[in-house]
Amino acid sequence: MTKQGILEERKLRFEAMSSYERKALLRKKMKAEGLEEGSEVMPLCVEITSSFPKM
């Protein structure tokens, strides 16, 4: 299977999950990365948006 096919399959599998299943998966992945809900998420968003010139 091609890389594009694998990505499409993962996207479809994610969309087929219930909201509860998606949240559990995201929390599991965040925990594996050493993150907790609300930790470092907002400062990162501010840092990224501040990198773009104002329109």
PDB file of N, CA and C in Angstrom:
ATOM      1  N   MET A   1       0.845  -1.175   0.000  1.00  0.00           N
ATOM      2  CA  MET A   1       0.000   0.000   0.000  1.00  0.00           C
ATOM      3  C   MET A   1       0.894   1.243   0.000  1.00  0.00           C
ATOM      4  N   THR A   2       0.492   2.244  -0.731  1.00  0.00           N
ATOM      5  CA  THR A   2       1.279   3.462  -0.822  1.00  0.00           C
ATOM      6  C   THR A   2       1.126   4.297   0.446  1.00  0.00           C
ATOM      7  N   LYS A   3       2.024   5.234   0.603  1.00  0.00           N
ATOM      8  CA  LYS A   3       1.976   6.118   1.773  1.00  0.00           C
ATOM      9  C   LYS A   3       0.656   6.895   1.789  1.00  0.00           C
ATOM     10  N   GLN A   4       0.228   7.361   0.637  1.00  0.00           N
ATOM     11  CA  GLN A   4      -1.034   8.107   0.538  1.00  0.00           C
ATOM     12  C   GLN A   4      -2.207   7.215   0.934  1.00  0.00           C
ATOM     13  N   GLY A   5      -2.184   5.956   0.519  1.00  0.00           N
ATOM     14  CA  GLY A   5      -3.241   5.015   0.870  1.00  0.00           C
ATOM     15  C   GLY A   5      -3.306   4.758   2.367  1.00  0.00           C
ATOM     16  N   ILE A   6      -2.131   4.656   2.987  1.00  0.00           N
ATOM     17  CA  ILE A   6      -2.069   4.445   4.429  1.00  0.00           C
ATOM     18  C   ILE A   6      -2.631   5.656   5.169  1.00  0.00           C
ATOM     19  N   LEU A   7      -2.256   6.848   4.715  1.00  0.00           N
ATOM     20  CA  LEU A   7      -2.756   8.065   5.359  1.00  0.00           C
ATOM     21  C   LEU A   7      -4.271   8.176   5.229  1.00  0.00           C
ATOM     22  N   GLU A   8      -4.795   7.837   4.066  1.00  0.00           N
ATOM     23  CA  GLU A   8      -6.241   7.890   3.837  1.00  0.00           C
ATOM     24  C   GLU A   8      -6.961   6.884   4.734  1.00  0.00           C
ATOM     25  N   GLU A   9      -6.382   5.688   4.870  1.00  0.00           N
ATOM     26  CA  GLU A   9      -6.977   4.651   5.721  1.00  0.00           C
ATOM     27  C   GLU A   9      -7.017   5.105   7.181  1.00  0.00           C
ATOM     28  N   ARG A  10      -5.929   5.715   7.640  1.00  0.00           N
ATOM     29  CA  ARG A  10      -5.883   6.212   9.018  1.00  0.00           C
ATOM     30  C   ARG A  10      -6.911   7.315   9.235  1.00  0.00           C
ATOM     31  N   LYS A  11      -7.059   8.178   8.251  1.00  0.00           N
ATOM     32  CA  LYS A  11      -8.032   9.275   8.349  1.00  0.00           C
ATOM     33  C   LYS A  11      -9.453   8.712   8.439  1.00  0.00           C
ATOM     34  N   LEU A  12      -9.770   7.732   7.612  1.00  0.00           N
ATOM     35  CA  LEU A  12     -11.101   7.127   7.629  1.00  0.00           C
ATOM     36  C   LEU A  12     -11.366   6.405   8.951  1.00  0.00           C
ATOM     37  N   ARG A  13     -10.344   5.717   9.468  1.00  0.00           N
ATOM     38  CA  ARG A  13     -10.491   5.011  10.743  1.00  0.00           C
ATOM     39  C   ARG A  13     -10.735   6.011  11.879  1.00  0.00           C
ATOM     40  N   PHE A  14     -10.034   7.142  11.856  1.00  0.00           N
ATOM     41  CA  PHE A  14     -10.204   8.186  12.876  1.00  0.00           C
ATOM     42  C   PHE A  14     -11.611   8.775  12.800  1.00  0.00           C
ATOM     43  N   GLU A  15     -12.082   9.043  11.588  1.00  0.00           N
ATOM     44  CA  GLU A  15     -13.419   9.624  11.418  1.00  0.00           C
ATOM     45  C   GLU A  15     -14.520   8.653  11.825  1.00  0.00           C
ATOM     46  N   ALA A  16     -14.249   7.350  11.731  1.00  0.00           N
ATOM     47  CA  ALA A  16     -15.240   6.342  12.091  1.00  0.00           C
ATOM     48  C   ALA A  16     -15.358   6.156  13.604  1.00  0.00           C
ATOM     49  N   MET A  17     -14.381   6.654  14.346  1.00  0.00           N
ATOM     50  CA  MET A  17     -14.401   6.514  15.811  1.00  0.00           C
ATOM     51  C   MET A  17     -15.467   7.426  16.417  1.00  0.00           C
ATOM     52  N   SER A  18     -15.932   7.023  17.593  1.00  0.00           N
ATOM     53  CA  SER A  18     -16.842   7.894  18.334  1.00  0.00           C
ATOM     54  C   SER A  18     -16.024   9.022  18.960  1.00  0.00           C
ATOM     55  N   SER A  19     -16.700  10.044  19.408  1.00  0.00           N
ATOM     56  CA  SER A  19     -16.027  11.165  20.045  1.00  0.00           C
ATOM     57  C   SER A  19     -15.218  10.692  21.248  1.00  0.00           C
ATOM     58  N   TYR A  20     -15.799   9.788  22.035  1.00  0.00           N
ATOM     59  CA  TYR A  20     -15.123   9.261  23.215  1.00  0.00           C
ATOM     60  C   TYR A  20     -13.845   8.520  22.815  1.00  0.00           C
ATOM     61  N   GLU A  21     -13.913   7.715  21.760  1.00  0.00           N
ATOM     62  CA  GLU A  21     -12.742   6.954  21.300  1.00  0.00           C
ATOM     63  C   GLU A  21     -11.642   7.889  20.794  1.00  0.00           C
ATOM     64  N   ARG A  22     -12.028   8.951  20.067  1.00  0.00           N
ATOM     65  CA  ARG A  22     -11.031   9.911  19.567  1.00  0.00           C
ATOM     66  C   ARG A  22     -10.334  10.612  20.723  1.00  0.00           C
ATOM     67  N   LYS A  23     -11.116  11.047  21.720  1.00  0.00           N
ATOM     68  CA  LYS A  23     -10.533  11.724  22.879  1.00  0.00           C
ATOM     69  C   LYS A  23      -9.566  10.802  23.613  1.00  0.00           C
ATOM     70  N   ALA A  24      -9.956   9.541  23.793  1.00  0.00           N
ATOM     71  CA  ALA A  24      -9.097   8.575  24.482  1.00  0.00           C
ATOM     72  C   ALA A  24      -7.794   8.366  23.708  1.00  0.00           C
ATOM     73  N   LEU A  25      -7.891   8.261  22.385  1.00  0.00           N
ATOM     74  CA  LEU A  25      -6.705   8.075  21.553  1.00  0.00           C
ATOM     75  C   LEU A  25      -5.772   9.284  21.649  1.00  0.00           C
ATOM     76  N   LEU A  26      -6.340  10.484  21.566  1.00  0.00           N
ATOM     77  CA  LEU A  26      -5.523  11.693  21.651  1.00  0.00           C
ATOM     78  C   LEU A  26      -4.867  11.832  23.020  1.00  0.00           C
ATOM     79  N   ARG A  27      -5.614  11.500  24.078  1.00  0.00           N
ATOM     80  CA  ARG A  27      -5.031  11.568  25.425  1.00  0.00           C
ATOM     81  C   ARG A  27      -3.892  10.565  25.575  1.00  0.00           C
ATOM     82  N   LYS A  28      -4.062   9.378  25.007  1.00  0.00           N
ATOM     83  CA  LYS A  28      -3.018   8.346  25.065  1.00  0.00           C
ATOM     84  C   LYS A  28      -1.759   8.821  24.344  1.00  0.00           C
ATOM     85  N   LYS A  29      -1.938   9.422  23.173  1.00  0.00           N
ATOM     86  CA  LYS A  29      -0.788   9.912  22.408  1.00  0.00           C
ATOM     87  C   LYS A  29      -0.112  11.079  23.111  1.00  0.00           C
ATOM     88  N   MET A  30      -0.911  11.968  23.716  1.00  0.00           N
ATOM     89  CA  MET A  30      -0.343  13.098  24.457  1.00  0.00           C
ATOM     90  C   MET A  30       0.461  12.598  25.652  1.00  0.00           C
ATOM     91  N   LYS A  31      -0.078  11.604  26.367  1.00  0.00           N
ATOM     92  CA  LYS A  31       0.618  11.052  27.522  1.00  0.00           C
ATOM     93  C   LYS A  31       1.938  10.426  27.102  1.00  0.00           C
ATOM     94  N   ALA A  32       1.950   9.747  25.958  1.00  0.00           N
ATOM     95  CA  ALA A  32       3.180   9.137  25.444  1.00  0.00           C
ATOM     96  C   ALA A  32       4.233  10.190  25.130  1.00  0.00           C
ATOM     97  N   GLU A  33       3.780  11.400  24.762  1.00  0.00           N
ATOM     98  CA  GLU A  33       4.695  12.501  24.456  1.00  0.00           C
ATOM     99  C   GLU A  33       5.060  13.308  25.701  1.00  0.00           C
ATOM    100  N   GLY A  34       4.467  12.911  26.849  1.00  0.00           N
ATOM    101  CA  GLY A  34       4.763  13.626  28.092  1.00  0.00           C
ATOM    102  C   GLY A  34       3.943  14.892  28.265  1.00  0.00           C
ATOM    103  N   LEU A  35       2.830  15.002  27.562  1.00  0.00           N
ATOM    104  CA  LEU A  35       1.970  16.185  27.656  1.00  0.00           C
ATOM    105  C   LEU A  35       0.712  15.865  28.432  1.00  0.00           C
ATOM    106  N   GLU A  36       0.137  16.883  29.046  1.00  0.00           N
ATOM    107  CA  GLU A  36      -1.148  16.758  29.705  1.00  0.00           C
ATOM    108  C   GLU A  36      -2.081  17.769  29.070  1.00  0.00           C
ATOM    109  N   GLU A  37      -3.369  17.542  29.248  1.00  0.00           N
ATOM    110  CA  GLU A  37      -4.335  18.485  28.682  1.00  0.00           C
ATOM    111  C   GLU A  37      -4.067  19.871  29.245  1.00  0.00           C
ATOM    112  N   GLY A  38      -3.964  20.837  28.363  1.00  0.00           N
ATOM    113  CA  GLY A  38      -3.744  22.215  28.782  1.00  0.00           C
ATOM    114  C   GLY A  38      -2.286  22.584  28.979  1.00  0.00           C
ATOM    115  N   SER A  39      -1.378  21.623  28.905  1.00  0.00           N
ATOM    116  CA  SER A  39       0.029  21.930  29.139  1.00  0.00           C
ATOM    117  C   SER A  39       0.714  22.319  27.836  1.00  0.00           C
ATOM    118  N   GLU A  40       1.260  23.515  27.822  1.00  0.00           N
ATOM    119  CA  GLU A  40       2.063  23.994  26.694  1.00  0.00           C
ATOM    120  C   GLU A  40       1.304  24.134  25.389  1.00  0.00           C
ATOM    121  N   VAL A  41       0.023  23.902  25.384  1.00  0.00           N
ATOM    122  CA  VAL A  41      -0.713  23.985  24.135  1.00  0.00           C
ATOM    123  C   VAL A  41      -0.951  25.443  23.754  1.00  0.00           C
ATOM    124  N   MET A  42      -1.427  26.242  24.683  1.00  0.00           N
ATOM    125  CA  MET A  42      -1.731  27.632  24.392  1.00  0.00           C
ATOM    126  C   MET A  42      -0.489  28.437  24.025  1.00  0.00           C
ATOM    127  N   PRO A  43       0.611  28.359  24.802  1.00  0.00           N
ATOM    128  CA  PRO A  43       1.796  29.127  24.416  1.00  0.00           C
ATOM    129  C   PRO A  43       2.302  28.768  23.027  1.00  0.00           C
ATOM    130  N   LEU A  44       2.210  27.510  22.652  1.00  0.00           N
ATOM    131  CA  LEU A  44       2.651  27.094  21.325  1.00  0.00           C
ATOM    132  C   LEU A  44       1.791  27.760  20.259  1.00  0.00           C
ATOM    133  N   CYS A  45       0.471  27.796  20.461  1.00  0.00           N
ATOM    134  CA  CYS A  45      -0.429  28.423  19.495  1.00  0.00           C
ATOM    135  C   CYS A  45      -0.111  29.902  19.362  1.00  0.00           C
ATOM    136  N   VAL A  46       0.127  30.564  20.474  1.00  0.00           N
ATOM    137  CA  VAL A  46       0.446  31.990  20.452  1.00  0.00           C
ATOM    138  C   VAL A  46       1.763  32.215  19.733  1.00  0.00           C
ATOM    139  N   GLU A  47       2.729  31.354  19.991  1.00  0.00           N
ATOM    140  CA  GLU A  47       4.034  31.482  19.348  1.00  0.00           C
ATOM    141  C   GLU A  47       3.917  31.323  17.841  1.00  0.00           C
ATOM    142  N   ILE A  48       3.140  30.377  17.384  1.00  0.00           N
ATOM    143  CA  ILE A  48       2.975  30.132  15.957  1.00  0.00           C
ATOM    144  C   ILE A  48       2.253  31.301  15.302  1.00  0.00           C
ATOM    145  N   THR A  49       1.147  31.759  15.887  1.00  0.00           N
ATOM    146  CA  THR A  49       0.383  32.834  15.267  1.00  0.00           C
ATOM    147  C   THR A  49       1.137  34.147  15.300  1.00  0.00           C
ATOM    148  N   SER A  50       1.995  34.336  16.304  1.00  0.00           N
ATOM    149  CA  SER A  50       2.743  35.588  16.365  1.00  0.00           C
ATOM    150  C   SER A  50       3.861  35.613  15.322  1.00  0.00           C
ATOM    151  N   SER A  51       4.149  34.469  14.722  1.00  0.00           N
ATOM    152  CA  SER A  51       5.200  34.410  13.694  1.00  0.00           C
ATOM    153  C   SER A  51       4.720  34.957  12.355  1.00  0.00           C
ATOM    154  N   PHE A  52       3.401  35.027  12.176  1.00  0.00           N
ATOM    155  CA  PHE A  52       2.841  35.508  10.916  1.00  0.00           C
ATOM    156  C   PHE A  52       2.630  37.018  10.978  1.00  0.00           C
ATOM    157  N   PRO A  53       2.864  37.711   9.880  1.00  0.00           N
ATOM    158  CA  PRO A  53       2.615  39.155   9.886  1.00  0.00           C
ATOM    159  C   PRO A  53       1.122  39.449  10.013  1.00  0.00           C
ATOM    160  N   LYS A  54       0.829  40.569  10.653  1.00  0.00           N
ATOM    161  CA  LYS A  54      -0.588  40.942  10.817  1.00  0.00           C
ATOM    162  C   LYS A  54      -1.135  41.396   9.486  1.00  0.00           C
ATOM    163  N   MET A  55      -2.393  41.060   9.287  1.00  0.00           N
ATOM    164  CA  MET A  55      -3.041  41.399   8.013  1.00  0.00           C
ATOM    165  C   MET A  55      -3.867  42.632   8.160  1.00  0.00           C
TER     166      MET A  55
END
